[in-house]
Amino acid sequence: MANIKPLGDKVVVEVLEAEEKTAGGIILPDSAKKKPTEGKVVAVGDGRVLDDGKRNKLSVKAGDRVLFSKYGGNEVTLDGKDFTILDEDQIYAILK
């Protein structure tokens, strides 16, 4: 992956592909797939600067699997891979 360092409270997430089959084994065409909302965090910023000058540390770290806003962030392609750059508040949960 290209070296990328998000700024502030931004998080770079590698988008995980949507399922190609249903639970019953039916293969879905691209038009029927849901927009992916799950990904793996690959880089995080240093945190937002608060009014008192301190940094608010992020809750996620590189390597975390997360659920994020379906229509949030900015989609980018680097080295042939799809990534989404999100604000931390657009991430809903960390998957364990």
C-alpha atoms as a PDB file:
ATOM      1  CA  MET A   1       0.000   0.000   0.000  1.00  0.00           C
ATOM      2  CA  ALA A   2       1.096   3.535  -0.652  1.00  0.00           C
ATOM      3  CA  ASN A   3       2.243   5.455   2.382  1.00  0.00           C
ATOM      4  CA  ILE A   4      -0.735   7.444   3.592  1.00  0.00           C
ATOM      5  CA  LYS A   5      -1.042   9.379   6.829  1.00  0.00           C
ATOM      6  CA  PRO A   6      -4.484  10.836   7.527  1.00  0.00           C
ATOM      7  CA  LEU A   7      -4.696  14.183   9.336  1.00  0.00           C
ATOM      8  CA  GLY A   8      -6.580  15.032  12.527  1.00  0.00           C
ATOM      9  CA  ASP A   9      -9.464  12.695  13.313  1.00  0.00           C
ATOM     10  CA  LYS A  10      -9.468  11.027   9.873  1.00  0.00           C
ATOM     11  CA  VAL A  11      -9.302   7.240   9.471  1.00  0.00           C
ATOM     12  CA  VAL A  12      -8.333   5.302   6.319  1.00  0.00           C
ATOM     13  CA  VAL A  13     -10.356   2.097   5.921  1.00  0.00           C
ATOM     14  CA  GLU A  14      -9.746  -0.645   3.353  1.00  0.00           C
ATOM     15  CA  VAL A  15     -13.203  -1.560   2.104  1.00  0.00           C
ATOM     16  CA  LEU A  16     -14.065  -5.256   2.395  1.00  0.00           C
ATOM     17  CA  GLU A  17     -15.974  -6.660  -0.560  1.00  0.00           C
ATOM     18  CA  ALA A  18     -19.695  -7.390  -0.312  1.00  0.00           C
ATOM     19  CA  GLU A  19     -20.776 -11.022  -0.239  1.00  0.00           C
ATOM     20  CA  GLU A  20     -21.089 -12.564  -3.678  1.00  0.00           C
ATOM     21  CA  LYS A  21     -23.395 -15.359  -2.507  1.00  0.00           C
ATOM     22  CA  THR A  22     -26.479 -15.480  -0.341  1.00  0.00           C
ATOM     23  CA  ALA A  23     -26.706 -17.863   2.610  1.00  0.00           C
ATOM     24  CA  GLY A  24     -28.598 -20.239   0.295  1.00  0.00           C
ATOM     25  CA  GLY A  25     -25.749 -20.239  -2.261  1.00  0.00           C
ATOM     26  CA  ILE A  26     -27.278 -17.936  -4.892  1.00  0.00           C
ATOM     27  CA  ILE A  27     -24.612 -15.874  -6.672  1.00  0.00           C
ATOM     28  CA  LEU A  28     -25.508 -12.167  -6.709  1.00  0.00           C
ATOM     29  CA  PRO A  29     -24.859  -9.897  -9.711  1.00  0.00           C
ATOM     30  CA  ASP A  30     -23.001  -6.630  -9.033  1.00  0.00           C
ATOM     31  CA  SER A  31     -26.240  -4.642  -9.285  1.00  0.00           C
ATOM     32  CA  ALA A  32     -27.804  -6.608  -6.409  1.00  0.00           C
ATOM     33  CA  LYS A  33     -24.897  -6.339  -3.961  1.00  0.00           C
ATOM     34  CA  LYS A  34     -25.230  -4.015  -0.992  1.00  0.00           C
ATOM     35  CA  LYS A  35     -22.779  -1.148  -0.698  1.00  0.00           C
ATOM     36  CA  PRO A  36     -20.063  -2.414   1.695  1.00  0.00           C
ATOM     37  CA  THR A  37     -20.086  -0.949   5.177  1.00  0.00           C
ATOM     38  CA  GLU A  38     -17.344  -3.079   6.680  1.00  0.00           C
ATOM     39  CA  GLY A  39     -13.638  -2.539   6.438  1.00  0.00           C
ATOM     40  CA  LYS A  40     -10.220  -2.820   7.988  1.00  0.00           C
ATOM     41  CA  VAL A  41      -8.506   0.259   9.419  1.00  0.00           C
ATOM     42  CA  VAL A  42      -5.132   0.759   7.737  1.00  0.00           C
ATOM     43  CA  ALA A  43      -4.132   4.184   9.095  1.00  0.00           C
ATOM     44  CA  VAL A  44      -5.352   6.737  11.643  1.00  0.00           C
ATOM     45  CA  GLY A  45      -4.633  10.409  12.245  1.00  0.00           C
ATOM     46  CA  ASP A  46      -3.213  11.871  15.429  1.00  0.00           C
ATOM     47  CA  GLY A  47      -6.613  13.042  16.685  1.00  0.00           C
ATOM     48  CA  ARG A  48      -8.510  16.306  16.683  1.00  0.00           C
ATOM     49  CA  VAL A  49      -6.983  19.268  18.495  1.00  0.00           C
ATOM     50  CA  LEU A  50      -9.241  20.387  21.350  1.00  0.00           C
ATOM     51  CA  ASP A  51      -9.836  23.987  22.426  1.00  0.00           C
ATOM     52  CA  ASP A  52      -7.237  23.646  25.199  1.00  0.00           C
ATOM     53  CA  GLY A  53      -4.583  22.550  22.675  1.00  0.00           C
ATOM     54  CA  LYS A  54      -4.561  18.870  23.669  1.00  0.00           C
ATOM     55  CA  ARG A  55      -5.226  16.090  21.163  1.00  0.00           C
ATOM     56  CA  ASN A  56      -8.269  13.845  21.447  1.00  0.00           C
ATOM     57  CA  LYS A  57      -6.928  10.320  20.786  1.00  0.00           C
ATOM     58  CA  LEU A  58      -8.904   8.127  18.380  1.00  0.00           C
ATOM     59  CA  SER A  59     -10.817   5.052  19.560  1.00  0.00           C
ATOM     60  CA  VAL A  60      -9.739   2.909  16.598  1.00  0.00           C
ATOM     61  CA  LYS A  61      -6.300   1.704  15.581  1.00  0.00           C
ATOM     62  CA  ALA A  62      -4.729   0.148  12.495  1.00  0.00           C
ATOM     63  CA  GLY A  63      -5.856  -3.460  12.093  1.00  0.00           C
ATOM     64  CA  ASP A  64      -9.339  -3.005  13.609  1.00  0.00           C
ATOM     65  CA  ARG A  65     -12.334  -4.340  11.623  1.00  0.00           C
ATOM     66  CA  VAL A  66     -15.054  -1.690  11.707  1.00  0.00           C
ATOM     67  CA  LEU A  67     -18.601  -0.926  10.581  1.00  0.00           C
ATOM     68  CA  PHE A  68     -18.960   2.519   9.058  1.00  0.00           C
ATOM     69  CA  SER A  69     -21.525   4.837   7.516  1.00  0.00           C
ATOM     70  CA  LYS A  70     -22.762   3.517   4.176  1.00  0.00           C
ATOM     71  CA  TYR A  71     -22.553   6.882   2.441  1.00  0.00           C
ATOM     72  CA  GLY A  72     -19.897   8.536   4.586  1.00  0.00           C
ATOM     73  CA  GLY A  73     -16.338   9.441   3.777  1.00  0.00           C
ATOM     74  CA  ASN A  74     -14.456   9.883   0.544  1.00  0.00           C
ATOM     75  CA  GLU A  75     -13.653   6.889  -1.626  1.00  0.00           C
ATOM     76  CA  VAL A  76     -10.150   6.679  -3.102  1.00  0.00           C
ATOM     77  CA  THR A  77      -8.189   4.027  -5.005  1.00  0.00           C
ATOM     78  CA  LEU A  78      -4.495   3.603  -4.211  1.00  0.00           C
ATOM     79  CA  ASP A  79      -2.318   0.871  -5.734  1.00  0.00           C
ATOM     80  CA  GLY A  80      -5.444  -0.815  -7.156  1.00  0.00           C
ATOM     81  CA  LYS A  81      -7.217  -1.130  -3.778  1.00  0.00           C
ATOM     82  CA  ASP A  82     -10.348   0.728  -2.674  1.00  0.00           C
ATOM     83  CA  PHE A  83     -10.159   2.804   0.493  1.00  0.00           C
ATOM     84  CA  THR A  84     -12.531   5.149   2.278  1.00  0.00           C
ATOM     85  CA  ILE A  85     -11.285   8.120   4.300  1.00  0.00           C
ATOM     86  CA  LEU A  86     -13.716   8.765   7.155  1.00  0.00           C
ATOM     87  CA  ASP A  87     -14.091  11.067  10.122  1.00  0.00           C
ATOM     88  CA  GLU A  88     -13.912   9.002  13.311  1.00  0.00           C
ATOM     89  CA  ASP A  89     -17.564   9.806  14.101  1.00  0.00           C
ATOM     90  CA  GLN A  90     -18.622   8.038  10.875  1.00  0.00           C
ATOM     91  CA  ILE A  91     -17.391   4.735  12.336  1.00  0.00           C
ATOM     92  CA  TYR A  92     -20.174   3.011  14.257  1.00  0.00           C
ATOM     93  CA  ALA A  93     -18.491  -0.061  15.799  1.00  0.00           C
ATOM     94  CA  ILE A  94     -15.366  -2.153  16.093  1.00  0.00           C
ATOM     95  CA  LEU A  95     -15.968  -5.821  15.231  1.00  0.00           C
ATOM     96  CA  LYS A  96     -14.375  -8.334  17.600  1.00  0.00           C
END
